[in-house]
Amino acid sequence: DPYRNLENLEDSTVINWLKAQGAYAYSSLQNIANRQR
């Protein structure tokens, strides 16, 4: 199980990865052309 370490939500590495994933998703959604339309 190469990603079992991601189950530990108190690990700072996992928390930082989740925050980076959230930032990536937010920036991707903000860059959609004609988003408001």
PDB file of all heavy atoms in Angstrom:
ATOM      1  N   ASP A   1       0.870  -1.176   0.000  1.00  0.00           N
ATOM      2  CA  ASP A   1       0.000   0.000   0.000  1.00  0.00           C
ATOM      3  C   ASP A   1       0.907   1.226   0.000  1.00  0.00           C
ATOM      4  O   ASP A   1       1.389   1.664   1.040  1.00  0.00           O
ATOM      5  CB  ASP A   1      -0.910  -0.009   1.226  1.00  0.00           C
ATOM      6  CG  ASP A   1      -1.899   1.134   1.226  1.00  0.00           C
ATOM      7  OD1 ASP A   1      -1.866   1.961   0.299  1.00  0.00           O
ATOM      8  OD2 ASP A   1      -2.716   1.203   2.161  1.00  0.00           O
ATOM      9  N   PRO A   2       1.169   1.782  -1.190  1.00  0.00           N
ATOM     10  CA  PRO A   2       2.135   2.879  -1.272  1.00  0.00           C
ATOM     11  C   PRO A   2       1.624   4.214  -0.714  1.00  0.00           C
ATOM     12  O   PRO A   2       2.399   5.133  -0.533  1.00  0.00           O
ATOM     13  CB  PRO A   2       2.429   2.982  -2.764  1.00  0.00           C
ATOM     14  CG  PRO A   2       1.235   2.410  -3.420  1.00  0.00           C
ATOM     15  CD  PRO A   2       0.703   1.361  -2.494  1.00  0.00           C
ATOM     16  N   TYR A   3       0.340   4.327  -0.443  1.00  0.00           N
ATOM     17  CA  TYR A   3      -0.200   5.605   0.016  1.00  0.00           C
ATOM     18  C   TYR A   3      -0.907   5.496   1.357  1.00  0.00           C
ATOM     19  O   TYR A   3      -1.765   6.317   1.677  1.00  0.00           O
ATOM     20  CB  TYR A   3      -1.121   6.193  -1.051  1.00  0.00           C
ATOM     21  CG  TYR A   3      -0.376   6.531  -2.307  1.00  0.00           C
ATOM     22  CD1 TYR A   3      -0.467   5.731  -3.430  1.00  0.00           C
ATOM     23  CD2 TYR A   3       0.452   7.639  -2.354  1.00  0.00           C
ATOM     24  CE1 TYR A   3       0.246   6.036  -4.583  1.00  0.00           C
ATOM     25  CE2 TYR A   3       1.171   7.948  -3.489  1.00  0.00           C
ATOM     26  CZ  TYR A   3       1.054   7.146  -4.601  1.00  0.00           C
ATOM     27  OH  TYR A   3       1.763   7.446  -5.730  1.00  0.00           O
ATOM     28  N   ARG A   4      -0.572   4.503   2.158  1.00  0.00           N
ATOM     29  CA  ARG A   4      -1.198   4.379   3.472  1.00  0.00           C
ATOM     30  C   ARG A   4      -0.882   5.575   4.356  1.00  0.00           C
ATOM     31  O   ARG A   4      -1.670   5.967   5.211  1.00  0.00           O
ATOM     32  CB  ARG A   4      -0.769   3.104   4.166  1.00  0.00           C
ATOM     33  CG  ARG A   4      -1.502   2.968   5.504  1.00  0.00           C
ATOM     34  CD  ARG A   4      -1.207   1.704   6.218  1.00  0.00           C
ATOM     35  NE  ARG A   4      -1.582   0.570   5.396  1.00  0.00           N
ATOM     36  CZ  ARG A   4      -1.194  -0.667   5.643  1.00  0.00           C
ATOM     37  NH1 ARG A   4      -0.418  -0.912   6.677  1.00  0.00           N
ATOM     38  NH2 ARG A   4      -1.560  -1.647   4.877  1.00  0.00           N
ATOM     39  N   ASN A   5       0.272   6.193   4.147  1.00  0.00           N
ATOM     40  CA  ASN A   5       0.638   7.347   4.959  1.00  0.00           C
ATOM     41  C   ASN A   5      -0.353   8.505   4.798  1.00  0.00           C
ATOM     42  O   ASN A   5      -0.462   9.358   5.674  1.00  0.00           O
ATOM     43  CB  ASN A   5       2.056   7.808   4.627  1.00  0.00           C
ATOM     44  CG  ASN A   5       2.209   8.211   3.175  1.00  0.00           C
ATOM     45  OD1 ASN A   5       1.796   7.481   2.277  1.00  0.00           O
ATOM     46  ND2 ASN A   5       2.811   9.353   2.929  1.00  0.00           N
ATOM     47  N   LEU A   6      -1.119   8.525   3.712  1.00  0.00           N
ATOM     48  CA  LEU A   6      -2.095   9.595   3.506  1.00  0.00           C
ATOM     49  C   LEU A   6      -3.316   9.440   4.410  1.00  0.00           C
ATOM     50  O   LEU A   6      -4.137  10.353   4.507  1.00  0.00           O
ATOM     51  CB  LEU A   6      -2.536   9.651   2.041  1.00  0.00           C
ATOM     52  CG  LEU A   6      -1.442   9.997   1.044  1.00  0.00           C
ATOM     53  CD1 LEU A   6      -1.999   9.998  -0.367  1.00  0.00           C
ATOM     54  CD2 LEU A   6      -0.817  11.336   1.371  1.00  0.00           C
ATOM     55  N   GLU A   7      -3.448   8.302   5.077  1.00  0.00           N
ATOM     56  CA  GLU A   7      -4.565   8.089   6.003  1.00  0.00           C
ATOM     57  C   GLU A   7      -4.372   8.851   7.306  1.00  0.00           C
ATOM     58  O   GLU A   7      -5.333   9.112   8.018  1.00  0.00           O
ATOM     59  CB  GLU A   7      -4.727   6.598   6.288  1.00  0.00           C
ATOM     60  CG  GLU A   7      -5.130   5.793   5.081  1.00  0.00           C
ATOM     61  CD  GLU A   7      -5.160   4.300   5.357  1.00  0.00           C
ATOM     62  OE1 GLU A   7      -5.003   3.888   6.530  1.00  0.00           O
ATOM     63  OE2 GLU A   7      -5.346   3.542   4.395  1.00  0.00           O
ATOM     64  N   ASN A   8      -3.141   9.216   7.613  1.00  0.00           N
ATOM     65  CA  ASN A   8      -2.853   9.940   8.855  1.00  0.00           C
ATOM     66  C   ASN A   8      -3.064  11.434   8.617  1.00  0.00           C
ATOM     67  O   ASN A   8      -2.167  12.135   8.151  1.00  0.00           O
ATOM     68  CB  ASN A   8      -1.421   9.664   9.310  1.00  0.00           C
ATOM     69  CG  ASN A   8      -1.096  10.332  10.619  1.00  0.00           C
ATOM     70  OD1 ASN A   8      -1.949  10.946  11.250  1.00  0.00           O
ATOM     71  ND2 ASN A   8       0.159  10.204  11.041  1.00  0.00           N
ATOM     72  N   LEU A   9      -4.246  11.925   8.966  1.00  0.00           N
ATOM     73  CA  LEU A   9      -4.591  13.322   8.706  1.00  0.00           C
ATOM     74  C   LEU A   9      -3.971  14.289   9.710  1.00  0.00           C
ATOM     75  O   LEU A   9      -4.186  15.497   9.608  1.00  0.00           O
ATOM     76  CB  LEU A   9      -6.102  13.480   8.684  1.00  0.00           C
ATOM     77  CG  LEU A   9      -6.815  12.687   7.589  1.00  0.00           C
ATOM     78  CD1 LEU A   9      -8.310  12.902   7.665  1.00  0.00           C
ATOM     79  CD2 LEU A   9      -6.295  13.072   6.211  1.00  0.00           C
ATOM     80  N   GLU A  10      -3.208  13.775  10.656  1.00  0.00           N
ATOM     81  CA  GLU A  10      -2.505  14.640  11.603  1.00  0.00           C
ATOM     82  C   GLU A  10      -1.044  14.851  11.213  1.00  0.00           C
ATOM     83  O   GLU A  10      -0.345  15.641  11.834  1.00  0.00           O
ATOM     84  CB  GLU A  10      -2.611  14.058  13.011  1.00  0.00           C
ATOM     85  CG  GLU A  10      -4.043  14.021  13.508  1.00  0.00           C
ATOM     86  CD  GLU A  10      -4.168  13.387  14.868  1.00  0.00           C
ATOM     87  OE1 GLU A  10      -3.141  12.957  15.442  1.00  0.00           O
ATOM     88  OE2 GLU A  10      -5.307  13.313  15.359  1.00  0.00           O
ATOM     89  N   ASP A  11      -0.579  14.153  10.196  1.00  0.00           N
ATOM     90  CA  ASP A  11       0.797  14.277   9.707  1.00  0.00           C
ATOM     91  C   ASP A  11       0.929  15.585   8.931  1.00  0.00           C
ATOM     92  O   ASP A  11       0.117  15.898   8.062  1.00  0.00           O
ATOM     93  CB  ASP A  11       1.137  13.084   8.824  1.00  0.00           C
ATOM     94  CG  ASP A  11       2.569  13.093   8.326  1.00  0.00           C
ATOM     95  OD1 ASP A  11       3.369  13.926   8.807  1.00  0.00           O
ATOM     96  OD2 ASP A  11       2.889  12.263   7.457  1.00  0.00           O
ATOM     97  N   SER A  12       1.962  16.359   9.238  1.00  0.00           N
ATOM     98  CA  SER A  12       2.133  17.658   8.581  1.00  0.00           C
ATOM     99  C   SER A  12       2.373  17.509   7.075  1.00  0.00           C
ATOM    100  O   SER A  12       1.962  18.368   6.293  1.00  0.00           O
ATOM    101  CB  SER A  12       3.282  18.437   9.220  1.00  0.00           C
ATOM    102  OG  SER A  12       4.502  17.744   9.050  1.00  0.00           O
ATOM    103  N   THR A  13       3.011  16.424   6.656  1.00  0.00           N
ATOM    104  CA  THR A  13       3.227  16.186   5.225  1.00  0.00           C
ATOM    105  C   THR A  13       1.908  15.998   4.499  1.00  0.00           C
ATOM    106  O   THR A  13       1.700  16.545   3.417  1.00  0.00           O
ATOM    107  CB  THR A  13       4.110  14.935   5.023  1.00  0.00           C
ATOM    108  OG1 THR A  13       5.304  15.082   5.776  1.00  0.00           O
ATOM    109  CG2 THR A  13       4.458  14.749   3.565  1.00  0.00           C
ATOM    110  N   VAL A  14       1.005  15.247   5.113  1.00  0.00           N
ATOM    111  CA  VAL A  14      -0.309  15.003   4.513  1.00  0.00           C
ATOM    112  C   VAL A  14      -1.123  16.293   4.495  1.00  0.00           C
ATOM    113  O   VAL A  14      -1.764  16.618   3.484  1.00  0.00           O
ATOM    114  CB  VAL A  14      -1.053  13.889   5.280  1.00  0.00           C
ATOM    115  CG1 VAL A  14      -2.455  13.700   4.745  1.00  0.00           C
ATOM    116  CG2 VAL A  14      -0.271  12.590   5.205  1.00  0.00           C
ATOM    117  N   ILE A  15      -1.083  17.039   5.573  1.00  0.00           N
ATOM    118  CA  ILE A  15      -1.821  18.306   5.637  1.00  0.00           C
ATOM    119  C   ILE A  15      -1.324  19.260   4.562  1.00  0.00           C
ATOM    120  O   ILE A  15      -2.122  19.882   3.854  1.00  0.00           O
ATOM    121  CB  ILE A  15      -1.690  18.926   7.049  1.00  0.00           C
ATOM    122  CG1 ILE A  15      -2.416  18.059   8.065  1.00  0.00           C
ATOM    123  CG2 ILE A  15      -2.235  20.344   7.058  1.00  0.00           C
ATOM    124  CD1 ILE A  15      -2.146  18.443   9.505  1.00  0.00           C
ATOM    125  N   ASN A  16      -0.016  19.376   4.403  1.00  0.00           N
ATOM    126  CA  ASN A  16       0.544  20.267   3.376  1.00  0.00           C
ATOM    127  C   ASN A  16       0.174  19.806   1.978  1.00  0.00           C
ATOM    128  O   ASN A  16      -0.104  20.623   1.101  1.00  0.00           O
ATOM    129  CB  ASN A  16       2.066  20.360   3.528  1.00  0.00           C
ATOM    130  CG  ASN A  16       2.461  21.077   4.786  1.00  0.00           C
ATOM    131  OD1 ASN A  16       1.703  21.881   5.332  1.00  0.00           O
ATOM    132  ND2 ASN A  16       3.651  20.790   5.285  1.00  0.00           N
ATOM    133  N   TRP A  17       0.156  18.488   1.756  1.00  0.00           N
ATOM    134  CA  TRP A  17      -0.227  17.961   0.447  1.00  0.00           C
ATOM    135  C   TRP A  17      -1.703  18.275   0.151  1.00  0.00           C
ATOM    136  O   TRP A  17      -2.037  18.682  -0.953  1.00  0.00           O
ATOM    137  CB  TRP A  17       0.024  16.459   0.374  1.00  0.00           C
ATOM    138  CG  TRP A  17      -0.447  15.848  -0.895  1.00  0.00           C
ATOM    139  CD1 TRP A  17       0.135  15.971  -2.129  1.00  0.00           C
ATOM    140  CD2 TRP A  17      -1.607  15.047  -1.088  1.00  0.00           C
ATOM    141  NE1 TRP A  17      -0.597  15.290  -3.066  1.00  0.00           N
ATOM    142  CE2 TRP A  17      -1.679  14.711  -2.448  1.00  0.00           C
ATOM    143  CE3 TRP A  17      -2.595  14.584  -0.236  1.00  0.00           C
ATOM    144  CZ2 TRP A  17      -2.703  13.926  -2.967  1.00  0.00           C
ATOM    145  CZ3 TRP A  17      -3.610  13.801  -0.755  1.00  0.00           C
ATOM    146  CH2 TRP A  17      -3.652  13.486  -2.114  1.00  0.00           C
ATOM    147  N   LEU A  18      -2.564  18.092   1.152  1.00  0.00           N
ATOM    148  CA  LEU A  18      -3.986  18.397   0.964  1.00  0.00           C
ATOM    149  C   LEU A  18      -4.201  19.886   0.675  1.00  0.00           C
ATOM    150  O   LEU A  18      -5.016  20.254  -0.185  1.00  0.00           O
ATOM    151  CB  LEU A  18      -4.786  17.975   2.195  1.00  0.00           C
ATOM    152  CG  LEU A  18      -4.967  16.478   2.388  1.00  0.00           C
ATOM    153  CD1 LEU A  18      -5.583  16.189   3.748  1.00  0.00           C
ATOM    154  CD2 LEU A  18      -5.818  15.892   1.278  1.00  0.00           C
ATOM    155  N   LYS A  19      -3.470  20.737   1.365  1.00  0.00           N
ATOM    156  CA  LYS A  19      -3.580  22.183   1.112  1.00  0.00           C
ATOM    157  C   LYS A  19      -3.093  22.524  -0.298  1.00  0.00           C
ATOM    158  O   LYS A  19      -3.692  23.350  -0.986  1.00  0.00           O
ATOM    159  CB  LYS A  19      -2.783  22.968   2.150  1.00  0.00           C
ATOM    160  CG  LYS A  19      -3.445  22.978   3.506  1.00  0.00           C
ATOM    161  CD  LYS A  19      -2.620  23.760   4.510  1.00  0.00           C
ATOM    162  CE  LYS A  19      -3.288  23.747   5.867  1.00  0.00           C
ATOM    163  NZ  LYS A  19      -2.505  24.477   6.878  1.00  0.00           N
ATOM    164  N   ALA A  20      -2.014  21.879  -0.728  1.00  0.00           N
ATOM    165  CA  ALA A  20      -1.507  22.118  -2.086  1.00  0.00           C
ATOM    166  C   ALA A  20      -2.499  21.629  -3.134  1.00  0.00           C
ATOM    167  O   ALA A  20      -2.692  22.278  -4.170  1.00  0.00           O
ATOM    168  CB  ALA A  20      -0.153  21.437  -2.268  1.00  0.00           C
ATOM    169  N   GLN A  21      -3.156  20.486  -2.874  1.00  0.00           N
ATOM    170  CA  GLN A  21      -4.185  19.982  -3.786  1.00  0.00           C
ATOM    171  C   GLN A  21      -5.342  20.971  -3.877  1.00  0.00           C
ATOM    172  O   GLN A  21      -5.865  21.238  -4.955  1.00  0.00           O
ATOM    173  CB  GLN A  21      -4.710  18.624  -3.307  1.00  0.00           C
ATOM    174  CG  GLN A  21      -3.778  17.474  -3.547  1.00  0.00           C
ATOM    175  CD  GLN A  21      -3.755  17.062  -4.998  1.00  0.00           C
ATOM    176  OE1 GLN A  21      -4.762  17.069  -5.678  1.00  0.00           O
ATOM    177  NE2 GLN A  21      -2.588  16.705  -5.477  1.00  0.00           N
ATOM    178  N   GLY A  22      -5.751  21.507  -2.732  1.00  0.00           N
ATOM    179  CA  GLY A  22      -6.840  22.480  -2.707  1.00  0.00           C
ATOM    180  C   GLY A  22      -6.480  23.752  -3.468  1.00  0.00           C
ATOM    181  O   GLY A  22      -7.292  24.293  -4.219  1.00  0.00           O
ATOM    182  N   ALA A  23      -5.258  24.224  -3.286  1.00  0.00           N
ATOM    183  CA  ALA A  23      -4.806  25.428  -3.996  1.00  0.00           C
ATOM    184  C   ALA A  23      -4.745  25.184  -5.503  1.00  0.00           C
ATOM    185  O   ALA A  23      -5.128  26.053  -6.301  1.00  0.00           O
ATOM    186  CB  ALA A  23      -3.438  25.865  -3.470  1.00  0.00           C
ATOM    187  N   TYR A  24      -4.285  23.994  -5.891  1.00  0.00           N
ATOM    188  CA  TYR A  24      -4.230  23.655  -7.314  1.00  0.00           C
ATOM    189  C   TYR A  24      -5.636  23.621  -7.919  1.00  0.00           C
ATOM    190  O   TYR A  24      -5.879  24.165  -8.990  1.00  0.00           O
ATOM    191  CB  TYR A  24      -3.540  22.310  -7.513  1.00  0.00           C
ATOM    192  CG  TYR A  24      -3.619  21.805  -8.926  1.00  0.00           C
ATOM    193  CD1 TYR A  24      -2.790  22.332  -9.908  1.00  0.00           C
ATOM    194  CD2 TYR A  24      -4.537  20.834  -9.287  1.00  0.00           C
ATOM    195  CE1 TYR A  24      -2.869  21.893 -11.214  1.00  0.00           C
ATOM    196  CE2 TYR A  24      -4.622  20.379 -10.585  1.00  0.00           C
ATOM    197  CZ  TYR A  24      -3.795  20.912 -11.543  1.00  0.00           C
ATOM    198  OH  TYR A  24      -3.882  20.474 -12.846  1.00  0.00           O
ATOM    199  N   ALA A  25      -6.572  22.982  -7.207  1.00  0.00           N
ATOM    200  CA  ALA A  25      -7.948  22.895  -7.705  1.00  0.00           C
ATOM    201  C   ALA A  25      -8.560  24.279  -7.808  1.00  0.00           C
ATOM    202  O   ALA A  25      -9.216  24.614  -8.810  1.00  0.00           O
ATOM    203  CB  ALA A  25      -8.789  22.017  -6.784  1.00  0.00           C
ATOM    204  N   TYR A  26      -8.343  25.119  -6.802  1.00  0.00           N
ATOM    205  CA  TYR A  26      -8.901  26.477  -6.812  1.00  0.00           C
ATOM    206  C   TYR A  26      -8.345  27.281  -7.980  1.00  0.00           C
ATOM    207  O   TYR A  26      -9.101  27.943  -8.691  1.00  0.00           O
ATOM    208  CB  TYR A  26      -8.592  27.171  -5.483  1.00  0.00           C
ATOM    209  CG  TYR A  26      -9.187  28.546  -5.384  1.00  0.00           C
ATOM    210  CD1 TYR A  26     -10.532  28.722  -5.091  1.00  0.00           C
ATOM    211  CD2 TYR A  26      -8.406  29.672  -5.587  1.00  0.00           C
ATOM    212  CE1 TYR A  26     -11.082  29.984  -5.006  1.00  0.00           C
ATOM    213  CE2 TYR A  26      -8.941  30.946  -5.504  1.00  0.00           C
ATOM    214  CZ  TYR A  26     -10.285  31.094  -5.207  1.00  0.00           C
ATOM    215  OH  TYR A  26     -10.833  32.353  -5.145  1.00  0.00           O
ATOM    216  N   SER A  27      -7.029  27.202  -8.200  1.00  0.00           N
ATOM    217  CA  SER A  27      -6.443  27.976  -9.300  1.00  0.00           C
ATOM    218  C   SER A  27      -6.920  27.454 -10.658  1.00  0.00           C
ATOM    219  O   SER A  27      -7.127  28.233 -11.585  1.00  0.00           O
ATOM    220  CB  SER A  27      -4.918  27.954  -9.229  1.00  0.00           C
ATOM    221  OG  SER A  27      -4.418  26.675  -9.523  1.00  0.00           O
ATOM    222  N   SER A  28      -7.114  26.137 -10.763  1.00  0.00           N
ATOM    223  CA  SER A  28      -7.624  25.576 -12.018  1.00  0.00           C
ATOM    224  C   SER A  28      -9.030  26.073 -12.302  1.00  0.00           C
ATOM    225  O   SER A  28      -9.364  26.440 -13.433  1.00  0.00           O
ATOM    226  CB  SER A  28      -7.635  24.050 -11.970  1.00  0.00           C
ATOM    227  OG  SER A  28      -6.331  23.554 -11.860  1.00  0.00           O
ATOM    228  N   LEU A  29      -9.871  26.103 -11.276  1.00  0.00           N
ATOM    229  CA  LEU A  29     -11.249  26.561 -11.460  1.00  0.00           C
ATOM    230  C   LEU A  29     -11.308  28.055 -11.738  1.00  0.00           C
ATOM    231  O   LEU A  29     -12.164  28.516 -12.499  1.00  0.00           O
ATOM    232  CB  LEU A  29     -12.085  26.217 -10.220  1.00  0.00           C
ATOM    233  CG  LEU A  29     -12.327  24.735  -9.997  1.00  0.00           C
ATOM    234  CD1 LEU A  29     -12.999  24.514  -8.653  1.00  0.00           C
ATOM    235  CD2 LEU A  29     -13.158  24.141 -11.116  1.00  0.00           C
ATOM    236  N   GLN A  30     -10.412  28.824 -11.143  1.00  0.00           N
ATOM    237  CA  GLN A  30     -10.404  30.272 -11.372  1.00  0.00           C
ATOM    238  C   GLN A  30      -9.924  30.631 -12.770  1.00  0.00           C
ATOM    239  O   GLN A  30     -10.257  31.704 -13.279  1.00  0.00           O
ATOM    240  CB  GLN A  30      -9.514  30.967 -10.329  1.00  0.00           C
ATOM    241  CG  GLN A  30     -10.046  30.882  -8.931  1.00  0.00           C
ATOM    242  CD  GLN A  30     -11.419  31.498  -8.795  1.00  0.00           C
ATOM    243  OE1 GLN A  30     -11.691  32.582  -9.297  1.00  0.00           O
ATOM    244  NE2 GLN A  30     -12.308  30.801  -8.112  1.00  0.00           N
ATOM    245  N   ASN A  31      -9.168  29.751 -13.412  1.00  0.00           N
ATOM    246  CA  ASN A  31      -8.619  30.038 -14.732  1.00  0.00           C
ATOM    247  C   ASN A  31      -9.493  29.570 -15.888  1.00  0.00           C
ATOM    248  O   ASN A  31      -9.071  29.635 -17.039  1.00  0.00           O
ATOM    249  CB  ASN A  31      -7.224  29.417 -14.868  1.00  0.00           C
ATOM    250  CG  ASN A  31      -6.211  30.141 -14.017  1.00  0.00           C
ATOM    251  OD1 ASN A  31      -6.305  31.338 -13.810  1.00  0.00           O
ATOM    252  ND2 ASN A  31      -5.249  29.413 -13.498  1.00  0.00           N
ATOM    253  N   ILE A  32     -10.703  29.117 -15.607  1.00  0.00           N
ATOM    254  CA  ILE A  32     -11.604  28.704 -16.676  1.00  0.00           C
ATOM    255  C   ILE A  32     -12.039  29.948 -17.450  1.00  0.00           C
ATOM    256  O   ILE A  32     -12.505  30.923 -16.869  1.00  0.00           O
ATOM    257  CB  ILE A  32     -12.832  27.966 -16.110  1.00  0.00           C
ATOM    258  CG1 ILE A  32     -12.403  26.648 -15.481  1.00  0.00           C
ATOM    259  CG2 ILE A  32     -13.880  27.733 -17.196  1.00  0.00           C
ATOM    260  CD1 ILE A  32     -13.512  25.909 -14.775  1.00  0.00           C
ATOM    261  N   ALA A  33     -11.871  29.900 -18.759  1.00  0.00           N
ATOM    262  CA  ALA A  33     -12.249  31.034 -19.603  1.00  0.00           C
ATOM    263  C   ALA A  33     -13.772  31.236 -19.538  1.00  0.00           C
ATOM    264  O   ALA A  33     -14.532  30.272 -19.545  1.00  0.00           O
ATOM    265  CB  ALA A  33     -11.817  30.780 -21.045  1.00  0.00           C
ATOM    266  N   ASN A  34     -14.190  32.480 -19.447  1.00  0.00           N
ATOM    267  CA  ASN A  34     -15.614  32.846 -19.385  1.00  0.00           C
ATOM    268  C   ASN A  34     -16.323  32.153 -18.224  1.00  0.00           C
ATOM    269  O   ASN A  34     -17.489  31.772 -18.322  1.00  0.00           O
ATOM    270  CB  ASN A  34     -16.322  32.517 -20.701  1.00  0.00           C
ATOM    271  CG  ASN A  34     -15.751  33.296 -21.854  1.00  0.00           C
ATOM    272  OD1 ASN A  34     -15.481  34.491 -21.721  1.00  0.00           O
ATOM    273  ND2 ASN A  34     -15.541  32.642 -22.969  1.00  0.00           N
ATOM    274  N   ARG A  35     -15.636  32.020 -17.129  1.00  0.00           N
ATOM    275  CA  ARG A  35     -16.156  31.293 -15.963  1.00  0.00           C
ATOM    276  C   ARG A  35     -17.473  31.866 -15.457  1.00  0.00           C
ATOM    277  O   ARG A  35     -18.427  31.124 -15.213  1.00  0.00           O
ATOM    278  CB  ARG A  35     -15.098  31.332 -14.861  1.00  0.00           C
ATOM    279  CG  ARG A  35     -15.471  30.626 -13.613  1.00  0.00           C
ATOM    280  CD  ARG A  35     -14.295  30.677 -12.626  1.00  0.00           C
ATOM    281  NE  ARG A  35     -14.726  30.269 -11.322  1.00  0.00           N
ATOM    282  CZ  ARG A  35     -15.171  31.095 -10.393  1.00  0.00           C
ATOM    283  NH1 ARG A  35     -15.227  32.384 -10.615  1.00  0.00           N
ATOM    284  NH2 ARG A  35     -15.562  30.629  -9.224  1.00  0.00           N
ATOM    285  N   GLN A  36     -17.536  33.190 -15.315  1.00  0.00           N
ATOM    286  CA  GLN A  36     -18.750  33.797 -14.787  1.00  0.00           C
ATOM    287  C   GLN A  36     -19.924  33.603 -15.731  1.00  0.00           C
ATOM    288  O   GLN A  36     -21.044  33.382 -15.297  1.00  0.00           O
ATOM    289  CB  GLN A  36     -18.537  35.291 -14.498  1.00  0.00           C
ATOM    290  CG  GLN A  36     -19.674  35.909 -13.730  1.00  0.00           C
ATOM    291  CD  GLN A  36     -19.913  35.227 -12.380  1.00  0.00           C
ATOM    292  OE1 GLN A  36     -18.985  34.969 -11.630  1.00  0.00           O
ATOM    293  NE2 GLN A  36     -21.168  34.912 -12.094  1.00  0.00           N
ATOM    294  N   ARG A  37     -19.676  33.646 -17.017  1.00  0.00           N
ATOM    295  CA  ARG A  37     -20.761  33.428 -17.995  1.00  0.00           C
ATOM    296  C   ARG A  37     -21.303  32.006 -17.870  1.00  0.00           C
ATOM    297  O   ARG A  37     -22.514  31.780 -17.942  1.00  0.00           O
ATOM    298  CB  ARG A  37     -20.249  33.677 -19.412  1.00  0.00           C
ATOM    299  CG  ARG A  37     -21.337  33.631 -20.467  1.00  0.00           C
ATOM    300  CD  ARG A  37     -20.794  33.999 -21.842  1.00  0.00           C
ATOM    301  NE  ARG A  37     -19.863  33.027 -22.361  1.00  0.00           N
ATOM    302  CZ  ARG A  37     -20.214  31.909 -23.009  1.00  0.00           C
ATOM    303  NH1 ARG A  37     -21.465  31.621 -23.191  1.00  0.00           N
ATOM    304  NH2 ARG A  37     -19.287  31.099 -23.463  1.00  0.00           N
TER     305      ARG A  37
END
